[in-house]
Amino acid sequence: YNGQGSAYQILAGTYFILIYTFAGIPLGMLADVANRTVMLSIALFFWSVMTALTGFAHEYWHLVLLRLGLGLGEAGCTPMAVSIITDYFPTELRGSAIGVYNWGIYTGYSMSYAMGNGIVKTLSWRWVFYISGMLGMVLAPIIFFTVKEPKRSRNATLLQDDAAKIPMLEKLKLVGLQLIRPVVLLLCIAGGIRNAA
């Protein structure tokens, strides 16, 4: 494998997106009932280990498995983070807080290209994965020990109690019914167009 062509496109896109997209749904449901800061720390640590291990890959199938693991770990980030943000910030500041969170994501993307290129030229492509994986493995325990699980809003607490009583298939049906609402479909399409660009 030479890191180019359709094999790269499938590796970078399809394998990651499939598991990231579908794992996000049950992980989002977990965010409704679990300790989100613990789950966020676990997700960050897991995807950081997958990232660091990518530097050790020598075969294409190694990269495929690690990319799947990376998608699974990263799928837990946004449901947990946004759920935490909504309980840390009052209603009138939530949009701004989520905007700052998204700014952090894309700042990270930008820095990864700028810094990654320097690391590749100085060391090798493997070191990009070692370094970024190690940073996440250091950050995960910091989040675990310093970010406190916020008290869920009153409505969220009531919903949490009710959510624990609803069977998983029923929850999926309820989520599915919300997803086919025209306004939600339009938001999903707009988000897809933004990500495709």
C-alpha atoms as a PDB file:
ATOM      1  CA  TYR A   1       0.000   0.000   0.000  1.00  0.00           C
ATOM      2  CA  ASN A   2       1.457   3.343  -1.043  1.00  0.00           C
ATOM      3  CA  GLY A   3      -0.989   5.777   0.602  1.00  0.00           C
ATOM      4  CA  GLN A   4      -2.560   6.893  -2.666  1.00  0.00           C
ATOM      5  CA  GLY A   5      -5.455   6.216  -5.030  1.00  0.00           C
ATOM      6  CA  SER A   6      -8.857   4.733  -4.296  1.00  0.00           C
ATOM      7  CA  ALA A   7      -7.494   2.565  -1.463  1.00  0.00           C
ATOM      8  CA  TYR A   8      -6.545   5.771   0.378  1.00  0.00           C
ATOM      9  CA  GLN A   9      -9.913   7.389  -0.329  1.00  0.00           C
ATOM     10  CA  ILE A  10     -11.783   4.377   1.045  1.00  0.00           C
ATOM     11  CA  LEU A  11      -9.473   4.245   4.066  1.00  0.00           C
ATOM     12  CA  ALA A  12      -9.679   7.961   4.849  1.00  0.00           C
ATOM     13  CA  GLY A  13     -13.379   8.304   4.065  1.00  0.00           C
ATOM     14  CA  THR A  14     -15.632   5.277   3.858  1.00  0.00           C
ATOM     15  CA  TYR A  15     -14.243   3.110   6.673  1.00  0.00           C
ATOM     16  CA  PHE A  16     -14.098   5.999   9.102  1.00  0.00           C
ATOM     17  CA  ILE A  17     -17.412   7.626   8.157  1.00  0.00           C
ATOM     18  CA  LEU A  18     -19.438   4.406   8.313  1.00  0.00           C
ATOM     19  CA  ILE A  19     -18.521   3.540  11.875  1.00  0.00           C
ATOM     20  CA  TYR A  20     -18.351   7.183  13.024  1.00  0.00           C
ATOM     21  CA  THR A  21     -21.842   7.894  11.732  1.00  0.00           C
ATOM     22  CA  PHE A  22     -23.588   4.801  13.008  1.00  0.00           C
ATOM     23  CA  ALA A  23     -21.737   4.568  16.342  1.00  0.00           C
ATOM     24  CA  GLY A  24     -22.714   8.175  17.071  1.00  0.00           C
ATOM     25  CA  ILE A  25     -26.367   7.175  17.500  1.00  0.00           C
ATOM     26  CA  PRO A  26     -25.985   4.663  20.370  1.00  0.00           C
ATOM     27  CA  LEU A  27     -23.234   6.805  21.909  1.00  0.00           C
ATOM     28  CA  GLY A  28     -25.626   9.764  21.784  1.00  0.00           C
ATOM     29  CA  MET A  29     -28.206   7.648  23.606  1.00  0.00           C
ATOM     30  CA  LEU A  30     -25.537   6.782  26.159  1.00  0.00           C
ATOM     31  CA  ALA A  31     -24.928  10.527  26.643  1.00  0.00           C
ATOM     32  CA  ASP A  32     -28.556  10.782  27.766  1.00  0.00           C
ATOM     33  CA  VAL A  33     -28.074   8.411  30.704  1.00  0.00           C
ATOM     34  CA  ALA A  34     -24.346   7.945  31.491  1.00  0.00           C
ATOM     35  CA  ASN A  35     -21.691  10.063  33.148  1.00  0.00           C
ATOM     36  CA  ARG A  36     -20.657  12.114  30.131  1.00  0.00           C
ATOM     37  CA  THR A  37     -17.269  13.300  31.380  1.00  0.00           C
ATOM     38  CA  VAL A  38     -16.199   9.716  32.066  1.00  0.00           C
ATOM     39  CA  MET A  39     -17.463   8.597  28.651  1.00  0.00           C
ATOM     40  CA  LEU A  40     -15.755  11.551  26.935  1.00  0.00           C
ATOM     41  CA  SER A  41     -12.468  10.680  28.665  1.00  0.00           C
ATOM     42  CA  ILE A  42     -12.777   7.031  27.623  1.00  0.00           C
ATOM     43  CA  ALA A  43     -13.605   7.982  24.029  1.00  0.00           C
ATOM     44  CA  LEU A  44     -10.661  10.411  23.845  1.00  0.00           C
ATOM     45  CA  PHE A  45      -8.249   7.877  25.319  1.00  0.00           C
ATOM     46  CA  PHE A  46      -9.462   5.128  22.980  1.00  0.00           C
ATOM     47  CA  TRP A  47      -9.198   7.192  19.798  1.00  0.00           C
ATOM     48  CA  SER A  48      -5.817   8.509  20.924  1.00  0.00           C
ATOM     49  CA  VAL A  49      -4.524   4.950  21.346  1.00  0.00           C
ATOM     50  CA  MET A  50      -5.862   4.134  17.857  1.00  0.00           C
ATOM     51  CA  THR A  51      -4.099   7.240  16.537  1.00  0.00           C
ATOM     52  CA  ALA A  52      -0.767   6.355  18.165  1.00  0.00           C
ATOM     53  CA  LEU A  53      -0.990   2.750  16.965  1.00  0.00           C
ATOM     54  CA  THR A  54      -1.486   3.990  13.401  1.00  0.00           C
ATOM     55  CA  GLY A  55       2.162   5.025  13.479  1.00  0.00           C
ATOM     56  CA  PHE A  56       3.096   1.350  13.926  1.00  0.00           C
ATOM     57  CA  ALA A  57       0.982   0.069  11.002  1.00  0.00           C
ATOM     58  CA  HIS A  58       2.787  -1.793   8.218  1.00  0.00           C
ATOM     59  CA  GLU A  59      -0.098  -3.342   6.287  1.00  0.00           C
ATOM     60  CA  TYR A  60      -3.227  -1.874   4.749  1.00  0.00           C
ATOM     61  CA  TRP A  61      -5.479  -4.017   6.939  1.00  0.00           C
ATOM     62  CA  HIS A  62      -3.746  -2.586  10.034  1.00  0.00           C
ATOM     63  CA  LEU A  63      -4.753   0.865   8.863  1.00  0.00           C
ATOM     64  CA  VAL A  64      -8.321  -0.284   8.171  1.00  0.00           C
ATOM     65  CA  LEU A  65      -8.760  -1.713  11.683  1.00  0.00           C
ATOM     66  CA  LEU A  66      -7.191   1.325  13.316  1.00  0.00           C
ATOM     67  CA  ARG A  67      -9.298   3.689  11.212  1.00  0.00           C
ATOM     68  CA  LEU A  68     -12.448   1.819  12.297  1.00  0.00           C
ATOM     69  CA  GLY A  69     -11.318   2.115  15.929  1.00  0.00           C
ATOM     70  CA  LEU A  70     -10.600   5.793  15.440  1.00  0.00           C
ATOM     71  CA  GLY A  71     -14.108   6.337  14.055  1.00  0.00           C
ATOM     72  CA  LEU A  72     -15.646   4.495  17.004  1.00  0.00           C
ATOM     73  CA  GLY A  73     -13.718   6.559  19.536  1.00  0.00           C
ATOM     74  CA  GLU A  74     -14.311   9.896  17.841  1.00  0.00           C
ATOM     75  CA  ALA A  75     -18.042   9.130  17.510  1.00  0.00           C
ATOM     76  CA  GLY A  76     -18.322   9.526  21.276  1.00  0.00           C
ATOM     77  CA  CYS A  77     -16.880  13.029  21.355  1.00  0.00           C
ATOM     78  CA  THR A  78     -19.605  15.283  19.996  1.00  0.00           C
ATOM     79  CA  PRO A  79     -22.628  13.670  21.712  1.00  0.00           C
ATOM     80  CA  MET A  80     -20.864  13.803  25.082  1.00  0.00           C
ATOM     81  CA  ALA A  81     -19.297  17.250  24.579  1.00  0.00           C
ATOM     82  CA  VAL A  82     -22.461  18.946  23.308  1.00  0.00           C
ATOM     83  CA  SER A  83     -24.519  17.367  26.069  1.00  0.00           C
ATOM     84  CA  ILE A  84     -22.038  18.654  28.674  1.00  0.00           C
ATOM     85  CA  ILE A  85     -21.983  22.116  27.066  1.00  0.00           C
ATOM     86  CA  THR A  86     -25.776  22.371  27.147  1.00  0.00           C
ATOM     87  CA  ASP A  87     -25.739  21.782  30.901  1.00  0.00           C
ATOM     88  CA  TYR A  88     -22.784  24.085  31.634  1.00  0.00           C
ATOM     89  CA  PHE A  89     -24.204  27.092  29.753  1.00  0.00           C
ATOM     90  CA  PRO A  90     -27.556  28.866  30.043  1.00  0.00           C
ATOM     91  CA  THR A  91     -29.893  28.760  27.060  1.00  0.00           C
ATOM     92  CA  GLU A  92     -28.913  32.227  25.828  1.00  0.00           C
ATOM     93  CA  LEU A  93     -25.204  31.261  25.608  1.00  0.00           C
ATOM     94  CA  ARG A  94     -25.440  27.701  24.275  1.00  0.00           C
ATOM     95  CA  GLY A  95     -25.208  28.643  20.609  1.00  0.00           C
ATOM     96  CA  SER A  96     -22.027  30.630  21.269  1.00  0.00           C
ATOM     97  CA  ALA A  97     -20.558  27.860  23.412  1.00  0.00           C
ATOM     98  CA  ILE A  98     -21.189  25.237  20.734  1.00  0.00           C
ATOM     99  CA  GLY A  99     -19.750  27.648  18.163  1.00  0.00           C
ATOM    100  CA  VAL A 100     -16.529  27.869  20.183  1.00  0.00           C
ATOM    101  CA  TYR A 101     -16.475  24.074  20.482  1.00  0.00           C
ATOM    102  CA  ASN A 102     -16.762  23.779  16.678  1.00  0.00           C
ATOM    103  CA  TRP A 103     -14.083  26.449  16.248  1.00  0.00           C
ATOM    104  CA  GLY A 104     -11.779  24.215  18.284  1.00  0.00           C
ATOM    105  CA  ILE A 105     -12.427  21.272  15.958  1.00  0.00           C
ATOM    106  CA  TYR A 106     -11.511  23.188  12.815  1.00  0.00           C
ATOM    107  CA  THR A 107      -8.579  24.959  14.459  1.00  0.00           C
ATOM    108  CA  GLY A 108      -7.283  21.491  15.271  1.00  0.00           C
ATOM    109  CA  TYR A 109      -7.692  20.433  11.650  1.00  0.00           C
ATOM    110  CA  SER A 110      -5.759  23.489  10.483  1.00  0.00           C
ATOM    111  CA  MET A 111      -2.978  22.955  13.012  1.00  0.00           C
ATOM    112  CA  SER A 112      -2.707  19.286  12.071  1.00  0.00           C
ATOM    113  CA  TYR A 113      -1.819  20.203   8.485  1.00  0.00           C
ATOM    114  CA  ALA A 114       0.612  22.954   9.425  1.00  0.00           C
ATOM    115  CA  MET A 115       2.360  21.071  12.226  1.00  0.00           C
ATOM    116  CA  GLY A 116       1.995  17.646  10.633  1.00  0.00           C
ATOM    117  CA  ASN A 117       3.858  18.722   7.512  1.00  0.00           C
ATOM    118  CA  GLY A 118       6.742  19.973   9.639  1.00  0.00           C
ATOM    119  CA  ILE A 119       6.873  16.736  11.614  1.00  0.00           C
ATOM    120  CA  VAL A 120       6.810  14.642   8.416  1.00  0.00           C
ATOM    121  CA  LYS A 121       9.697  16.632   6.954  1.00  0.00           C
ATOM    122  CA  THR A 122      11.713  16.494  10.185  1.00  0.00           C
ATOM    123  CA  LEU A 123      10.972  12.968  11.440  1.00  0.00           C
ATOM    124  CA  SER A 124       8.475  10.852   9.440  1.00  0.00           C
ATOM    125  CA  TRP A 125       4.750  10.424   8.883  1.00  0.00           C
ATOM    126  CA  ARG A 126       4.666   7.896  11.730  1.00  0.00           C
ATOM    127  CA  TRP A 127       5.675  10.531  14.267  1.00  0.00           C
ATOM    128  CA  VAL A 128       2.608  12.605  13.434  1.00  0.00           C
ATOM    129  CA  PHE A 129       0.500   9.743  14.766  1.00  0.00           C
ATOM    130  CA  TYR A 130       2.750   9.023  17.768  1.00  0.00           C
ATOM    131  CA  ILE A 131       2.740  12.643  18.900  1.00  0.00           C
ATOM    132  CA  SER A 132      -0.952  13.375  18.393  1.00  0.00           C
ATOM    133  CA  GLY A 133      -1.921  10.056  19.993  1.00  0.00           C
ATOM    134  CA  MET A 134       0.284  10.729  23.011  1.00  0.00           C
ATOM    135  CA  LEU A 135      -1.199  14.214  23.452  1.00  0.00           C
ATOM    136  CA  GLY A 136      -4.703  12.761  23.567  1.00  0.00           C
ATOM    137  CA  MET A 137      -3.631  10.052  26.020  1.00  0.00           C
ATOM    138  CA  VAL A 138      -2.311  12.783  28.331  1.00  0.00           C
ATOM    139  CA  LEU A 139      -5.414  14.963  27.901  1.00  0.00           C
ATOM    140  CA  ALA A 140      -7.923  12.151  28.609  1.00  0.00           C
ATOM    141  CA  PRO A 141      -6.994  11.704  32.305  1.00  0.00           C
ATOM    142  CA  ILE A 142      -6.865  15.478  32.740  1.00  0.00           C
ATOM    143  CA  ILE A 143     -10.466  15.673  31.509  1.00  0.00           C
ATOM    144  CA  PHE A 144     -11.422  12.696  33.670  1.00  0.00           C
ATOM    145  CA  PHE A 145     -10.064  14.268  36.861  1.00  0.00           C
ATOM    146  CA  THR A 146     -10.841  17.955  36.281  1.00  0.00           C
ATOM    147  CA  VAL A 147     -14.067  18.247  34.266  1.00  0.00           C
ATOM    148  CA  LYS A 148     -16.969  17.688  36.607  1.00  0.00           C
ATOM    149  CA  GLU A 149     -20.168  16.098  35.402  1.00  0.00           C
ATOM    150  CA  PRO A 150     -22.596  19.018  35.358  1.00  0.00           C
ATOM    151  CA  LYS A 151     -26.021  18.729  36.885  1.00  0.00           C
ATOM    152  CA  ARG A 152     -28.467  17.919  34.126  1.00  0.00           C
ATOM    153  CA  SER A 153     -31.132  20.521  33.491  1.00  0.00           C
ATOM    154  CA  ARG A 154     -34.494  19.844  35.141  1.00  0.00           C
ATOM    155  CA  ASN A 155     -36.123  18.714  31.885  1.00  0.00           C
ATOM    156  CA  ALA A 156     -33.105  16.570  31.021  1.00  0.00           C
ATOM    157  CA  THR A 157     -33.255  14.907  34.448  1.00  0.00           C
ATOM    158  CA  LEU A 158     -36.936  14.078  33.964  1.00  0.00           C
ATOM    159  CA  LEU A 159     -36.203  12.788  30.471  1.00  0.00           C
ATOM    160  CA  GLN A 160     -33.245  10.786  31.785  1.00  0.00           C
ATOM    161  CA  ASP A 161     -35.478   8.966  34.254  1.00  0.00           C
ATOM    162  CA  ASP A 162     -37.993   8.273  31.483  1.00  0.00           C
ATOM    163  CA  ALA A 163     -35.249   7.314  29.011  1.00  0.00           C
ATOM    164  CA  ALA A 164     -33.975   4.580  31.323  1.00  0.00           C
ATOM    165  CA  LYS A 165     -37.412   2.926  31.139  1.00  0.00           C
ATOM    166  CA  ILE A 166     -37.730   2.946  27.332  1.00  0.00           C
ATOM    167  CA  PRO A 167     -36.459  -0.157  25.484  1.00  0.00           C
ATOM    168  CA  MET A 168     -33.621   0.447  22.969  1.00  0.00           C
ATOM    169  CA  LEU A 169     -35.735  -0.342  19.881  1.00  0.00           C
ATOM    170  CA  GLU A 170     -38.387   2.096  21.039  1.00  0.00           C
ATOM    171  CA  LYS A 171     -35.714   4.781  21.527  1.00  0.00           C
ATOM    172  CA  LEU A 172     -34.451   4.170  17.983  1.00  0.00           C
ATOM    173  CA  LYS A 173     -37.996   4.494  16.678  1.00  0.00           C
ATOM    174  CA  LEU A 174     -38.501   7.784  18.550  1.00  0.00           C
ATOM    175  CA  VAL A 175     -35.198   9.157  17.215  1.00  0.00           C
ATOM    176  CA  GLY A 176     -36.107   7.991  13.699  1.00  0.00           C
ATOM    177  CA  LEU A 177     -39.459   9.779  13.858  1.00  0.00           C
ATOM    178  CA  GLN A 178     -37.691  13.007  14.841  1.00  0.00           C
ATOM    179  CA  LEU A 179     -35.184  12.622  12.005  1.00  0.00           C
ATOM    180  CA  ILE A 180     -37.873  12.551   9.317  1.00  0.00           C
ATOM    181  CA  ARG A 181     -39.277  15.935  10.341  1.00  0.00           C
ATOM    182  CA  PRO A 182     -38.689  18.398   7.463  1.00  0.00           C
ATOM    183  CA  VAL A 183     -36.699  20.880   9.565  1.00  0.00           C
ATOM    184  CA  VAL A 184     -34.386  18.130  10.845  1.00  0.00           C
ATOM    185  CA  LEU A 185     -33.955  16.676   7.343  1.00  0.00           C
ATOM    186  CA  LEU A 186     -32.985  20.118   6.041  1.00  0.00           C
ATOM    187  CA  LEU A 187     -30.463  20.563   8.859  1.00  0.00           C
ATOM    188  CA  CYS A 188     -28.969  17.127   8.090  1.00  0.00           C
ATOM    189  CA  ILE A 189     -28.739  17.936   4.375  1.00  0.00           C
ATOM    190  CA  ALA A 190     -27.140  21.325   5.119  1.00  0.00           C
ATOM    191  CA  GLY A 191     -24.627  19.674   7.458  1.00  0.00           C
ATOM    192  CA  GLY A 192     -23.835  17.059   4.810  1.00  0.00           C
ATOM    193  CA  ILE A 193     -23.258  19.732   2.180  1.00  0.00           C
ATOM    194  CA  ARG A 194     -20.996  21.657   4.557  1.00  0.00           C
ATOM    195  CA  ASN A 195     -18.926  18.559   5.291  1.00  0.00           C
ATOM    196  CA  ALA A 196     -18.756  17.598   1.612  1.00  0.00           C
ATOM    197  CA  ALA A 197     -17.330  21.005   0.765  1.00  0.00           C
END
